[in-house]
C-alpha cells in the first residue's frame, strides 16, 4: 500500500473523528445513527494512521505531495 493521504487530509479526518466521538459519548447523537457514525470515525482514524485510503486508490486520487 502506497501512501495516498497528505498530512492535511489525515489531520482533518482525526478532527472529524474526535468530534463524532465527543457527540456520541455526550449523548448528542445516539441510536443507529450514532453507531454508524462511530464506526465511520474509527475508519477515519485507522486510515489516517496508515496514510492510505482504499477509496482513493481506484480513482487514482492522492493528497500526498509529489516527491
Protein backbone atom coordinates (compact mmCIF):
# COMPACT_ATOMS: atom_id res chain seq x y z
CA UNK A 1 0.00 0.00 0.00
CA UNK A 2 1.49 3.24 -1.14
CA UNK A 3 0.54 6.28 0.93
CA UNK A 4 -2.09 8.40 -0.78
CA UNK A 5 -3.08 10.79 2.01
CA UNK A 6 -1.35 14.05 2.81
CA UNK A 7 -0.94 15.50 6.28
CA UNK A 8 -3.82 17.97 5.95
CA UNK A 9 -6.18 15.16 4.94
CA UNK A 10 -5.02 13.00 7.85
CA UNK A 11 -5.40 15.80 10.40
CA UNK A 12 -8.88 16.69 9.12
CA UNK A 13 -10.01 13.06 9.41
CA UNK A 14 -8.77 12.80 13.01
CA UNK A 15 -10.53 16.05 13.94
CA UNK A 16 -13.80 14.84 12.39
CA UNK A 17 -13.45 11.50 14.20
CA UNK A 18 -12.87 13.28 17.51
CA UNK A 19 -15.95 15.47 17.02
CA UNK A 20 -18.09 12.43 16.23
CA UNK A 21 -16.76 10.60 19.30
CA UNK A 22 -17.47 13.56 21.59
CA UNK A 23 -21.00 13.92 20.19
CA UNK A 24 -21.66 10.20 20.66
CA UNK A 25 -20.31 9.95 24.20
CA UNK A 26 -22.12 13.10 25.36
CA UNK A 27 -25.39 11.65 24.05
CA UNK A 28 -25.97 14.26 21.36
CA UNK A 29 -26.15 11.54 18.73
CA UNK A 30 -27.41 8.09 19.63
CA UNK A 31 -29.10 5.00 18.31
CA UNK A 32 -28.31 3.52 14.92
CA UNK A 33 -27.05 6.82 13.53
CA UNK A 34 -24.65 7.17 16.44
CA UNK A 35 -23.23 3.69 15.96
CA UNK A 36 -22.83 4.18 12.21
CA UNK A 37 -21.04 7.49 12.76
CA UNK A 38 -18.84 5.94 15.45
CA UNK A 39 -17.78 3.19 13.03
CA UNK A 40 -17.09 5.86 10.38
CA UNK A 41 -14.96 7.73 12.92
CA UNK A 42 -12.98 4.56 13.62
CA UNK A 43 -12.38 4.09 9.88
CA UNK A 44 -11.20 7.71 9.64
CA UNK A 45 -8.69 7.20 12.44
CA UNK A 46 -7.47 3.90 11.00
CA UNK A 47 -6.95 5.31 7.51
CA UNK A 48 -5.22 8.35 8.98
CA UNK A 49 -2.77 6.17 10.88
CA UNK A 50 -1.99 4.13 7.75
CA UNK A 51 -1.87 7.19 5.43
CA UNK A 52 -3.84 5.13 2.93
CA UNK A 53 -7.45 5.48 1.85
CA UNK A 54 -8.79 2.49 -0.10
CA UNK A 55 -11.42 4.65 -1.80
CA UNK A 56 -8.74 6.93 -3.28
CA UNK A 57 -6.86 4.04 -4.97
CA UNK A 58 -9.37 3.02 -7.71
CA UNK A 59 -9.73 6.62 -8.81
CA UNK A 60 -6.01 7.40 -8.70
CA UNK A 61 -6.65 10.22 -6.24
CA UNK A 62 -3.88 11.30 -3.89
CA UNK A 63 -3.48 14.20 -1.47
CA UNK A 64 0.23 13.50 -0.89
CA UNK A 65 2.83 15.96 -2.04
CA UNK A 66 4.67 14.81 -5.13
CA UNK A 67 8.22 13.62 -4.49
